[in-house]
Each structure stands twice: as structure tokens, then as C-alpha cells.
């Protein structure tokens, strides 16, 4: 009897045959793959897996491909682009994560995999490990170098604050600034926690940095602030995009994230770290009262420096004046000598007057005395001898000057040019005319030539000729009268 078992080698044939009553129809590869896919997805439609990421890579489409592994098994994983964009961290090899999603199969490779919908770090230890790796990588690029740190402005006119506009942080900063030194504050509102907060903080920092230098709203200082919280709450300020934005900012920055014990990568990238937002406000501006006191102290010291030379000079002057004698003591000797000389002068005048009075009393005038004086004077006059040169020299000098004047007058005589062919035009009264208009107004003109005169009229008609007379002699310039002779002083 023939066996119906499929394992019966006797029924094995070259061509597959379907036995009567056999319901095991053969499946196609696609059908069995689809059945497996539905079975796996129905059974494992929601799973949470813990494992270490390996082989992480992002496709050009934005999807994330990786493997989850532990010490004994490996599972392929895929995360679509929409879910990748909501990740609060950047997946890296070696991170231990908890992935939430569903298991499915990939018929193209006959593999099963997990489609991850949400991925979280497996505890704070994994989060700190990611933080340390990110810090080491950015530090190797020099983003935390000390030589990149800039000094904060001493008194910023405008302060930009990147924080949440509804939290207590901005109120603390504004209150502290009002107490210390009221300044203009521009708030750039951002999310400081949750999905998209890191991108908003980075965009705010870059927005302040991109303002033009001449923009009146450009701040002189930027404060990135947030209140305290867990490491997960502060994670946005550990994101690489925020750290790079702070490091590339062209404006000095202060990082005030969390409390004094909280440290983020933003603190390393900023120019200064403040333990709290309130401390950031204290670092940003000085105390106005202290500044006013300092200015007053400097002004007082300036006045003291200006007045000290005067005070020292006054002290030296008073010391020197104290060593000088009094004016009364200086004048005592001269005053005494003046009194003595005045008294001697009065006595000398009295003596001189007395002697003169005695001499006048003894004087007696007589005719003999007068005649004797007259004879003495006549004899003295007779002894005087006058030198003729004393009289002749001034006379000859004055005669030479007078001859020069006569020659000059002869050269300048108005009739002198007549010898060279010129004619002198005169009116009827003998006045010389030099202008044509004056000649036209005359009824008769007299033309004087070298050898005589000729009458003429202005219209050109000949006038009666004047009787020729003897040629007049040129007038000789009269010599000025000689000054009266004066006897020169014999004692000159």
C-alpha cells in the first residue's frame, strides 16, 4: 500500500504533484514574507528595547539607520525623518538608548528590524557620556580655548537677553539691573526646554550677532539665561548648535544657565559664566552708586592734587616771609639818615644865607668900580680877532646855491621849448592854454613863436598880425634876496 506522507521518499518525483485532499498549498516568497510581516507586527506592535547604538548613519532623505546590540544579539533599526527631527539629542555610536517602536520585517533582505518612533538615552549615565564626548570633540576644535574669551564692556548701553519671556529669570535680571545700573534691555523670546528649544536659542544668538554695527538696537552684551533644572531640562544648552552659535557670536556673551552647581557646554563657549541669572546681571553692569562714589573720590583726589602745590607753595611762602624783617625795620635806618640829611641841609642853607647877607653888606658900588669893569670889557673885545673865512665861507655857499637855482629856472622857463619849434597858445590876457576846449571858448588866440607872436581865431580865420617888436630877452630868474649878514659866534 502506498504511503501519503510528504516525507515518503517513494512519492518524491521529478515534478511536484498535488495529492487528493491535500490543502497545503505552496506560498510564494512574497506571500510568506507578507504573512511573516503581519505576524511580527501584530505580535510585537509596541516594544521598548534597550541597547547600544552602532553603525549610526543618516541618509540623504533624513532617515536614520543603525543597529541596536547587546553582548549577545544585534537588531537592525530604522527611524523615519519625521521622528528624527523630534529627537532631543544627536544619536552617536556607543550611546546606550531605550528605543520605543514596533518590530517589522524587511522582505528585501529577509531580516526583521525595529521601526523606532521615540528614542531616549538609557539613564543619566548615558546622557553624561554623550555630554563628555560632545565636549571633547568641540574642545578639540578650539571652541572653548581661553584665548577666544573677550572682555565684557564696562558699561553696556544695551543688553540683549536670550531667555523665556514668561519665566522668573527675566524678572530677576531686570530687577537686578534696575537696582545696580538701569540699562536698556532687549529680550529675544525663546523656548528654553523641550523640542526645538536649542534651535530657537541658537537663532536668537545669531540674530543679535548679525545686527549691523550702526544699528541702535544692537546690544553691547548678550546674556543667555535659564533657571535651574535637571540635566534633561538643561540639555538644550548642551546641543552643538547652541554651542557653535555662542562661540561664533561677535558680541561678548554671558552664559547664565541653571544654578551654581549646573554646568553646560554653553558655559564653556561663552566669554563669561555666571552661576545664576541674577549674577549675570551683576557681571553685566557696575553699581551706579559705587560708580558715582568712585567718580566723586577721583574728583576729590583731582582737586587735592591741583590744590596741593598751592598749599605747599603757601607754606613755603609763609615760612620765607617769617624769616624776612618787617617793613618798618627796613625803613628805620633810611628814615633816620633822611632826618639827619634834612637837618644838615637846613643848617647849611641858613649858614649860606648868612654869609651872603654879610657879603652884600660889605659890598659898596662906586663909579670907579663901574668904569673899571667897562674898561676890562673893552680890552677883552679888542683882543678878539675875526677870521675873514668865517664870513666868506657862508656867503660863497649861498651864492653857489643861488646860481644852481638860476640855471634850473632857465631850463624850466615856458619859452624855452619855442626854440625847438613849439608854439605857445595864449588867450588875450596872456595866459597859457593847454586844453582844446578852453581854446575854443576864446574869441582870439595868441600864438607865441620864438621870434614873435601871431594872432589867430578858433575857427581858423587869420587874425590881425601883431606888430613885431624886438625879440624879448628871456627873463632871468630873480635871485632871492640874500639874508642879512650875521657875525658868526666866535665861540662856535
Protein backbone atom coordinates (compact mmCIF):
# COMPACT_ATOMS: atom_id res chain seq x y z
CA UNK A 1 0.00 0.00 0.00
CA UNK A 2 1.41 3.39 -0.96
CA UNK A 3 2.14 5.98 1.86
CA UNK A 4 0.66 9.54 1.67
CA UNK A 5 3.33 11.15 3.92
CA UNK A 6 5.20 14.04 2.28
CA UNK A 7 8.33 12.60 3.79
CA UNK A 8 7.87 9.37 1.97
CA UNK A 9 10.69 9.19 -0.45
CA UNK A 10 8.70 6.87 -2.60
CA UNK A 11 6.35 9.70 -3.50
CA UNK A 12 9.17 12.07 -4.38
CA UNK A 13 9.17 12.76 -8.00
CA UNK A 14 10.67 14.93 -10.55
CA UNK A 15 7.54 17.03 -10.95
CA UNK A 16 5.54 18.27 -7.97
CA UNK A 17 2.10 16.74 -7.76
CA UNK A 18 -0.89 17.59 -5.66
CA UNK A 19 -2.48 14.68 -3.93
CA UNK A 20 -6.21 14.30 -3.48
CA UNK A 21 -7.37 16.04 -0.29
CA UNK A 22 -4.06 17.91 0.22
CA UNK A 23 -4.77 21.52 1.49
CA UNK A 24 -1.14 22.59 1.94
CA UNK A 25 -0.94 24.92 -0.94
CA UNK A 26 2.54 26.33 -1.66
CA UNK A 27 3.08 30.03 -0.81
CA UNK A 28 5.06 32.47 -2.88
CA UNK A 29 8.02 34.19 -1.29
CA UNK A 30 6.14 37.47 -1.28
CA UNK A 31 3.11 35.84 0.34
CA UNK A 32 5.11 34.19 3.10
CA UNK A 33 7.07 37.42 3.65
CA UNK A 34 3.81 39.34 3.96
CA UNK A 35 2.43 36.74 6.36
CA UNK A 36 5.56 36.95 8.47
CA UNK A 37 5.41 40.76 8.44
CA UNK A 38 1.80 40.80 9.65
CA UNK A 39 2.50 38.16 12.26
CA UNK A 40 5.51 40.02 13.67
CA UNK A 41 3.81 43.41 13.62
CA UNK A 42 0.68 42.03 15.26
CA UNK A 43 2.64 40.27 17.94
CA UNK A 44 5.27 42.99 18.53
CA UNK A 45 3.36 46.15 17.56
CA UNK A 46 4.72 48.05 20.58
CA UNK A 47 8.05 47.23 22.17
CA UNK A 48 10.68 49.07 24.20
CA UNK A 49 14.22 47.89 23.66
CA UNK A 50 17.40 48.82 25.50
CA UNK A 51 20.64 48.57 23.65
CA UNK A 52 23.77 50.28 22.39
CA UNK A 53 23.72 52.22 19.12
CA UNK A 54 26.13 51.09 16.46
CA UNK A 55 26.68 51.96 12.81
CA UNK A 56 24.61 55.16 13.05
CA UNK A 57 24.19 56.95 9.74
CA UNK A 58 21.75 59.37 8.24
CA UNK A 59 20.55 59.00 4.67
CA UNK A 60 20.15 61.91 2.30
CA UNK A 61 16.40 61.58 2.78
CA UNK A 62 16.78 62.35 6.52
CA UNK A 63 16.06 58.81 7.73
CA UNK A 64 18.26 57.30 10.44
CA UNK A 65 19.71 53.79 10.11
CA UNK A 66 21.53 51.99 12.92
CA UNK A 67 21.76 48.74 14.84
CA UNK A 68 20.85 48.04 18.45
CA UNK A 69 23.03 45.50 20.15
CA UNK A 70 23.93 43.99 23.43
CA UNK A 71 26.57 41.46 24.30
CA UNK A 72 24.73 38.57 22.55
CA UNK A 73 22.50 39.86 19.74
CA UNK A 74 22.13 42.56 17.09
CA UNK A 75 18.91 44.11 15.79
CA UNK A 76 18.62 46.45 12.81
CA UNK A 77 16.80 49.73 13.46
CA UNK A 78 15.36 52.49 11.32
CA UNK A 79 13.86 55.83 12.29
CA UNK A 80 11.96 57.87 9.75
CA UNK A 81 12.76 61.53 9.13
CA UNK A 82 9.73 62.99 10.94
CA UNK A 83 10.66 61.23 14.15
CA UNK A 84 14.35 62.09 13.72
CA UNK A 85 13.53 65.77 13.70
CA UNK A 86 11.94 65.44 17.14
CA UNK A 87 14.96 63.83 18.74
CA UNK A 88 16.23 65.85 21.73
CA UNK A 89 19.82 64.67 21.14
CA UNK A 90 22.10 63.60 18.32
CA UNK A 91 22.46 59.81 18.08
CA UNK A 92 26.05 58.60 18.07
CA UNK A 93 27.80 55.24 18.12
CA UNK A 94 28.25 53.83 21.59
CA UNK A 95 25.24 55.55 23.17
CA UNK A 96 23.01 53.33 25.28
CA UNK A 97 19.42 54.17 24.46
CA UNK A 98 15.88 52.97 25.02
CA UNK A 99 14.06 52.74 21.69
CA UNK A 100 10.28 52.61 21.51
CA UNK A 101 8.62 51.33 18.33
CA UNK A 102 7.40 48.20 16.59
CA UNK A 103 9.08 45.17 15.12
CA UNK A 104 8.67 44.50 11.44
CA UNK A 105 10.37 42.62 8.67
CA UNK A 106 12.18 43.75 5.60
CA UNK A 107 11.33 41.26 2.85
CA UNK A 108 14.02 42.55 0.56
CA UNK A 109 16.68 41.09 2.84
CA UNK A 110 14.72 38.54 4.85
CA UNK A 111 15.54 40.46 8.06
CA UNK A 112 13.49 41.71 10.90
CA UNK A 113 14.07 45.18 12.34
CA UNK A 114 12.58 47.74 14.68
CA UNK A 115 10.98 50.91 13.40
CA UNK A 116 11.79 53.43 16.14
CA UNK A 117 9.20 56.08 16.94
CA UNK A 118 10.87 57.52 20.03
CA UNK A 119 14.41 57.19 21.31
CA UNK A 120 15.74 58.21 24.71
CA UNK A 121 19.02 57.89 26.47
CA UNK A 122 19.17 55.00 28.89
CA UNK A 123 19.59 56.97 32.13
CA UNK A 124 21.75 59.91 33.18
CA UNK A 125 24.88 57.88 32.81
CA UNK A 126 24.36 57.62 29.07
CA UNK A 127 23.45 61.30 28.95
CA UNK A 128 26.65 62.26 30.75
CA UNK A 129 28.67 60.02 28.46
CA UNK A 130 27.19 61.81 25.44
CA UNK A 131 27.93 65.13 27.07
CA UNK A 132 31.56 64.21 27.64
CA UNK A 133 32.02 63.04 24.07
CA UNK A 134 30.47 66.21 22.67
CA UNK A 135 32.58 68.36 24.99
CA UNK A 136 35.80 66.59 23.99
CA UNK A 137 35.02 66.96 20.30
CA UNK A 138 34.16 70.66 20.50
CA UNK A 139 37.12 71.37 22.77
CA UNK A 140 39.42 69.74 20.23
CA UNK A 141 38.11 72.26 17.69
CA UNK A 142 39.18 75.12 19.98
CA UNK A 143 35.70 76.43 20.77
CA UNK A 144 36.48 76.53 24.50
CA UNK A 145 40.01 77.99 24.24
CA UNK A 146 40.83 80.70 26.78
CA UNK A 147 42.39 82.99 24.16
CA UNK A 148 38.99 83.27 22.45
CA UNK A 149 37.42 84.85 25.51
CA UNK A 150 36.71 88.56 25.20
CA UNK A 151 36.47 91.19 27.90
CA UNK A 152 32.98 92.35 28.80
CA UNK A 153 32.12 96.03 28.21
CA UNK A 154 32.37 98.02 31.42
CA UNK A 155 29.12 99.92 30.96
CA UNK A 156 26.96 98.48 28.14
CA UNK A 157 24.29 100.81 26.80
CA UNK A 158 22.07 97.99 25.51
CA UNK A 159 21.89 94.42 26.85
CA UNK A 160 20.35 91.57 24.87
CA UNK A 161 18.79 88.71 26.84
CA UNK A 162 18.01 85.33 25.27
CA UNK A 163 15.50 83.59 27.56
CA UNK A 164 11.85 82.77 28.07
CA UNK A 165 9.74 85.96 28.37
CA UNK A 166 7.35 84.35 30.88
CA UNK A 167 9.77 82.85 33.38
CA UNK A 168 11.17 84.28 36.59
CA UNK A 169 14.62 84.60 35.01
CA UNK A 170 13.88 87.74 33.02
CA UNK A 171 12.20 89.37 36.04
CA UNK A 172 15.23 88.64 38.21
CA UNK A 173 17.59 90.10 35.59
CA UNK A 174 15.50 93.26 35.10
CA UNK A 175 15.13 93.77 38.85
CA UNK A 176 18.85 93.36 39.46
CA UNK A 177 19.74 95.73 36.62
CA UNK A 178 17.32 98.34 37.98
CA UNK A 179 18.98 98.10 41.41
CA UNK A 180 22.54 98.33 40.12
CA UNK A 181 22.52 100.42 36.96
CA UNK A 182 19.32 100.88 34.90
CA UNK A 183 20.09 99.90 31.33
CA UNK A 184 18.21 99.29 28.12
CA UNK A 185 17.28 95.60 27.76
CA UNK A 186 16.15 93.83 24.57
CA UNK A 187 14.61 90.38 25.16
CA UNK A 188 14.66 87.78 22.41
CA UNK A 189 11.95 85.31 23.50
CA UNK A 190 12.82 81.62 23.05
CA UNK A 191 11.90 78.20 24.41
CA UNK A 192 14.47 77.12 26.97
CA UNK A 193 13.35 73.50 27.25
CA UNK A 194 11.84 70.84 25.04
CA UNK A 195 11.62 70.13 21.36
CA UNK A 196 13.07 72.91 19.16
CA UNK A 197 14.40 74.98 22.07
CA UNK A 198 18.05 74.53 21.04
CA UNK A 199 17.34 75.81 17.51
CA UNK A 200 15.50 78.85 18.89
CA UNK A 201 18.34 79.73 21.29
CA UNK A 202 20.93 79.39 18.52
CA UNK A 203 18.80 81.50 16.15
CA UNK A 204 18.44 84.24 18.81
CA UNK A 205 22.18 84.41 19.46
CA UNK A 206 22.92 84.54 15.72
CA UNK A 207 20.21 87.17 15.28
CA UNK A 208 21.84 89.51 17.79
CA UNK A 209 25.26 88.84 16.24
CA UNK A 210 24.01 89.61 12.72
CA UNK A 211 22.83 93.13 13.59
CA UNK A 212 24.72 95.95 11.87
CA UNK A 213 27.32 97.78 13.89
CA UNK A 214 25.49 101.10 13.42
CA UNK A 215 22.10 99.64 14.38
CA UNK A 216 20.88 101.45 17.54
CA UNK A 217 19.24 98.20 18.71
CA UNK A 218 22.45 96.16 18.52
CA UNK A 219 23.33 95.13 22.07
CA UNK A 220 26.76 95.62 23.58
CA UNK A 221 26.36 92.43 25.62
CA UNK A 222 24.28 89.24 25.24
CA UNK A 223 23.09 87.16 28.21
CA UNK A 224 21.89 83.58 27.60
CA UNK A 225 19.85 82.71 30.68
CA UNK A 226 17.72 79.93 32.06
CA UNK A 227 16.62 78.82 35.52
CA UNK A 228 17.71 75.67 37.27
CA UNK A 229 16.60 72.14 36.45
CA UNK A 230 17.72 68.61 35.82
CA UNK A 231 20.30 67.68 33.24
CA UNK A 232 17.49 66.79 30.88
CA UNK A 233 15.87 70.21 31.36
CA UNK A 234 19.17 71.97 30.60
CA UNK A 235 20.09 69.71 27.72
CA UNK A 236 19.20 72.29 25.05
CA UNK A 237 22.23 74.32 26.16
CA UNK A 238 24.46 71.29 25.61
CA UNK A 239 23.44 70.98 21.99
CA UNK A 240 26.16 71.56 19.43
CA UNK A 241 24.10 74.12 17.51
CA UNK A 242 23.82 76.34 20.61
CA UNK A 243 27.50 75.97 21.50
CA UNK A 244 28.61 76.92 18.00
CA UNK A 245 26.26 79.91 17.87
CA UNK A 246 27.67 81.26 21.14
CA UNK A 247 31.27 80.66 20.06
CA UNK A 248 30.69 82.44 16.73
CA UNK A 249 28.82 85.42 18.23
CA UNK A 250 30.53 88.76 17.51
CA UNK A 251 29.14 90.28 20.72
CA UNK A 252 30.56 89.43 24.17
CA UNK A 253 28.34 86.84 25.86
CA UNK A 254 27.48 85.71 29.40
CA UNK A 255 26.08 82.25 30.00
CA UNK A 256 23.72 82.04 32.99
CA UNK A 257 22.13 78.60 32.70
CA UNK A 258 20.86 76.81 35.78
CA UNK A 259 22.11 77.21 39.32
CA UNK A 260 25.64 77.45 40.61
CA UNK A 261 26.19 73.69 40.52
CA UNK A 262 24.83 73.28 36.98
CA UNK A 263 27.32 73.34 34.13
CA UNK A 264 26.52 73.20 30.41
CA UNK A 265 28.61 73.38 27.27
CA UNK A 266 27.20 76.88 26.70
CA UNK A 267 29.15 77.96 29.82
CA UNK A 268 32.41 76.84 28.23
CA UNK A 269 31.69 78.59 24.91
CA UNK A 270 30.59 81.92 26.42
CA UNK A 271 33.05 84.69 27.29
CA UNK A 272 31.93 84.63 30.95
CA UNK A 273 29.93 82.15 33.03
CA UNK A 274 27.55 83.37 35.69
CA UNK A 275 26.38 80.94 38.40
CA UNK A 276 22.82 82.34 38.24
CA UNK A 277 20.85 84.77 36.04
CA UNK A 278 20.97 87.32 38.87
CA UNK A 279 24.75 87.03 38.97
CA UNK A 280 24.80 87.60 35.21
CA UNK A 281 23.09 90.96 35.73
CA UNK A 282 25.71 91.80 38.36
CA UNK A 283 28.50 90.92 35.94
CA UNK A 284 26.89 92.96 33.16
CA UNK A 285 26.79 96.38 34.85
CA UNK A 286 28.53 98.06 37.79
CA UNK A 287 26.70 99.55 40.77
CA UNK A 288 25.73 103.10 39.88
CA UNK A 289 26.06 104.31 43.48
CA UNK A 290 29.54 102.80 43.75
CA UNK A 291 30.46 104.27 40.38
CA UNK A 292 29.24 107.70 41.46
CA UNK A 293 31.20 107.36 44.71
CA UNK A 294 34.30 106.35 42.75
CA UNK A 295 33.91 109.32 40.44
CA UNK A 296 33.44 111.63 43.41
CA UNK A 297 36.54 110.18 45.07
CA UNK A 298 38.53 110.63 41.87
CA UNK A 299 37.26 114.20 41.53
CA UNK A 300 38.24 114.88 45.16
CA UNK A 301 41.67 113.42 44.56
CA UNK A 302 41.98 115.51 41.43
CA UNK A 303 41.11 118.65 43.38
CA UNK A 304 43.56 117.66 46.10
CA UNK A 305 46.29 117.11 43.52
CA UNK A 306 45.55 120.50 41.98
CA UNK A 307 45.44 122.32 45.34
CA UNK A 308 48.38 120.58 47.00
CA UNK A 309 51.05 122.51 45.05
CA UNK A 310 49.23 125.73 46.00
CA UNK A 311 49.14 124.69 49.66
CA UNK A 312 52.80 123.70 49.62
CA UNK A 313 53.69 126.96 47.92
CA UNK A 314 51.71 128.89 50.52
CA UNK A 315 53.50 127.06 53.32
CA UNK A 316 56.90 127.76 51.79
CA UNK A 317 55.95 131.41 51.23
CA UNK A 318 54.78 131.82 54.80
CA UNK A 319 57.98 130.20 56.05
CA UNK A 320 60.12 132.56 53.97
CA UNK A 321 58.01 135.57 54.92
CA UNK A 322 58.53 134.69 58.56
CA UNK A 323 62.29 134.92 58.05
CA UNK A 324 62.10 138.34 56.35
CA UNK A 325 62.43 141.51 58.51
CA UNK A 326 59.39 143.76 58.99
CA UNK A 327 59.00 146.70 56.56
CA UNK A 328 59.18 149.11 59.48
CA UNK A 329 62.56 147.68 60.47
CA UNK A 330 63.85 148.01 56.91
CA UNK A 331 62.85 151.70 56.78
CA UNK A 332 64.18 152.71 60.18
CA UNK A 333 67.80 153.24 59.04
CA UNK A 334 66.98 155.17 55.83
CA UNK A 335 64.40 157.27 57.70
CA UNK A 336 66.96 158.19 60.31
CA UNK A 337 69.51 159.08 57.64
CA UNK A 338 66.88 161.20 55.87
CA UNK A 339 66.19 163.11 59.06
CA UNK A 340 69.91 163.71 59.57
CA UNK A 341 70.46 164.91 56.00
CA UNK A 342 67.40 167.19 56.18
CA UNK A 343 68.64 168.75 59.35
CA UNK A 344 72.12 169.26 57.85
CA UNK A 345 70.54 170.84 54.74
CA UNK A 346 68.55 173.30 56.80
CA UNK A 347 71.66 174.29 58.73
CA UNK A 348 73.70 174.67 55.51
CA UNK A 349 71.03 176.91 53.94
CA UNK A 350 70.95 179.12 57.00
CA UNK A 351 74.74 179.39 57.01
CA UNK A 352 74.85 180.16 53.27
CA UNK A 353 72.17 182.82 53.57
CA UNK A 354 74.02 184.40 56.48
CA UNK A 355 77.29 184.53 54.56
CA UNK A 356 75.58 186.05 51.51
CA UNK A 357 73.94 188.65 53.67
CA UNK A 358 77.31 189.56 55.17
CA UNK A 359 78.94 189.79 51.70
CA UNK A 360 76.15 192.03 50.43
CA UNK A 361 76.51 194.23 53.44
CA UNK A 362 80.19 194.66 52.72
CA UNK A 363 79.62 195.41 49.01
CA UNK A 364 79.82 199.07 48.10
CA UNK A 365 79.20 200.27 44.47
CA UNK A 366 81.15 203.33 43.23
CA UNK A 367 81.73 204.99 39.76
CA UNK A 368 85.30 203.87 39.84
CA UNK A 369 84.27 200.26 40.11
CA UNK A 370 81.85 200.60 37.15
CA UNK A 371 84.48 202.30 34.97
CA UNK A 372 86.99 199.62 35.80
CA UNK A 373 84.55 196.94 34.70
CA UNK A 374 83.79 198.82 31.43
CA UNK A 375 87.50 199.12 30.60
CA UNK A 376 88.06 195.45 31.26
CA UNK A 377 85.25 194.56 28.85
CA UNK A 378 86.58 196.89 26.14
CA UNK A 379 90.04 195.38 26.41
CA UNK A 380 88.59 191.88 26.11
CA UNK A 381 86.67 192.92 22.98
CA UNK A 382 89.76 194.47 21.42
CA UNK A 383 91.67 191.25 21.94
CA UNK A 384 89.16 189.33 19.82
CA UNK A 385 90.31 188.76 16.18
CA UNK A 386 87.69 187.89 13.45
CA UNK A 387 88.77 185.37 10.73
CA UNK A 388 87.55 186.52 7.20
CA UNK A 389 86.86 182.89 6.31
CA UNK A 390 84.17 182.80 8.93
CA UNK A 391 82.25 185.39 6.93
CA UNK A 392 83.18 184.48 3.33
CA UNK A 393 82.50 180.75 3.51
CA UNK A 394 78.73 181.05 4.20
CA UNK A 395 78.47 183.75 1.51
CA UNK A 396 80.13 181.59 -1.15
CA UNK A 397 77.97 178.59 -0.24
CA UNK A 398 74.76 180.59 -0.56
CA UNK A 399 75.95 182.12 -3.89
CA UNK A 400 76.58 178.63 -5.35
CA UNK A 401 73.09 177.52 -4.29
CA UNK A 402 71.57 180.63 -5.86
CA UNK A 403 73.39 180.03 -9.19
CA UNK A 404 72.07 176.44 -9.31
CA UNK A 405 68.53 177.69 -8.81
CA UNK A 406 69.00 180.26 -11.61
CA UNK A 407 70.19 177.55 -14.04
CA UNK A 408 67.24 175.36 -13.14
CA UNK A 409 64.81 178.24 -13.65
CA UNK A 410 66.37 178.92 -17.06
CA UNK A 411 65.85 175.29 -18.11
CA UNK A 412 62.24 175.29 -16.91
CA UNK A 413 61.20 178.59 -18.49
CA UNK A 414 57.96 178.11 -20.56
CA UNK A 415 59.50 179.84 -23.61
CA UNK A 416 62.48 177.52 -23.68
CA UNK A 417 60.78 174.90 -25.95
CA UNK A 418 59.92 177.58 -28.54
CA UNK A 419 63.48 177.40 -29.85
CA UNK A 420 62.79 173.78 -30.87
CA UNK A 421 59.72 174.62 -32.98
CA UNK A 422 56.97 174.51 -30.38
CA UNK A 423 54.25 177.20 -30.18
CA UNK A 424 52.75 178.55 -27.02
CA UNK A 425 49.00 179.19 -27.18
CA UNK A 426 47.72 182.04 -25.03
CA UNK A 427 44.46 183.88 -24.59
CA UNK A 428 44.07 187.61 -24.95
CA UNK A 429 45.32 188.23 -21.45
CA UNK A 430 48.49 186.25 -21.94
CA UNK A 431 47.51 183.10 -20.01
CA UNK A 432 48.78 179.86 -21.47
CA UNK A 433 46.06 177.47 -22.68
CA UNK A 434 46.65 173.74 -22.52
CA UNK A 435 43.17 172.30 -23.36
CA UNK A 436 41.34 172.48 -26.69
CA UNK A 437 38.02 173.20 -25.00
CA UNK A 438 39.49 176.25 -23.30
CA UNK A 439 40.93 177.49 -26.63
CA UNK A 440 37.57 177.04 -28.41
CA UNK A 441 35.86 179.33 -25.90
CA UNK A 442 38.25 182.24 -26.67
CA UNK A 443 37.37 184.87 -29.28
CA UNK A 444 41.01 185.47 -30.08
CA UNK A 445 44.14 183.47 -29.52
CA UNK A 446 47.76 184.50 -29.43
CA UNK A 447 50.35 182.09 -30.82
CA UNK A 448 53.76 182.83 -29.46
CA UNK A 449 56.73 181.72 -31.55
CA UNK A 450 60.40 182.02 -30.81
CA UNK A 451 60.67 185.20 -32.91
CA UNK A 452 57.34 186.82 -32.08
CA UNK A 453 53.60 186.48 -31.62
CA UNK A 454 50.80 185.79 -34.11
CA UNK A 455 47.07 186.39 -33.60
CA UNK A 456 44.53 183.68 -34.51
CA UNK A 457 40.84 182.79 -34.06
CA UNK A 458 39.49 179.42 -33.04
CA UNK A 459 37.58 178.91 -36.37
CA UNK A 460 40.78 179.12 -38.36
CA UNK A 461 40.44 182.74 -39.74
CA UNK A 462 43.61 184.74 -39.65
CA UNK A 463 43.70 187.41 -37.03
CA UNK A 464 45.47 190.75 -37.49
CA UNK A 465 49.13 190.28 -37.12
CA UNK A 466 50.63 191.76 -34.10
CA UNK A 467 53.34 194.30 -34.65
CA UNK A 468 56.63 192.60 -34.42
CA UNK A 469 58.66 194.00 -31.70
CA UNK A 470 62.13 193.43 -30.57
CA UNK A 471 62.79 189.92 -29.58
CA UNK A 472 62.32 189.82 -25.88
CA UNK A 473 65.09 188.57 -23.83
CA UNK A 474 64.38 185.60 -21.72
CA UNK A 475 63.50 186.67 -18.30
CA UNK A 476 66.20 185.92 -15.87
CA UNK A 477 65.12 184.39 -12.69
CA UNK A 478 65.45 186.82 -9.90
CA UNK A 479 67.84 185.85 -7.26
CA UNK A 480 66.32 185.60 -3.84
CA UNK A 481 67.46 188.31 -1.54
CA UNK A 482 70.47 187.43 0.41
CA UNK A 483 69.86 187.04 4.10
CA UNK A 484 71.36 189.72 6.24
CA UNK A 485 74.86 189.03 7.19
CA UNK A 486 75.30 187.85 10.70
CA UNK A 487 78.52 187.71 12.53
CA UNK A 488 79.29 184.17 13.43
CA UNK A 489 79.73 183.22 17.01
CA UNK A 490 83.39 183.40 17.84
CA UNK A 491 82.95 180.55 20.33
CA UNK A 492 81.38 178.08 17.85
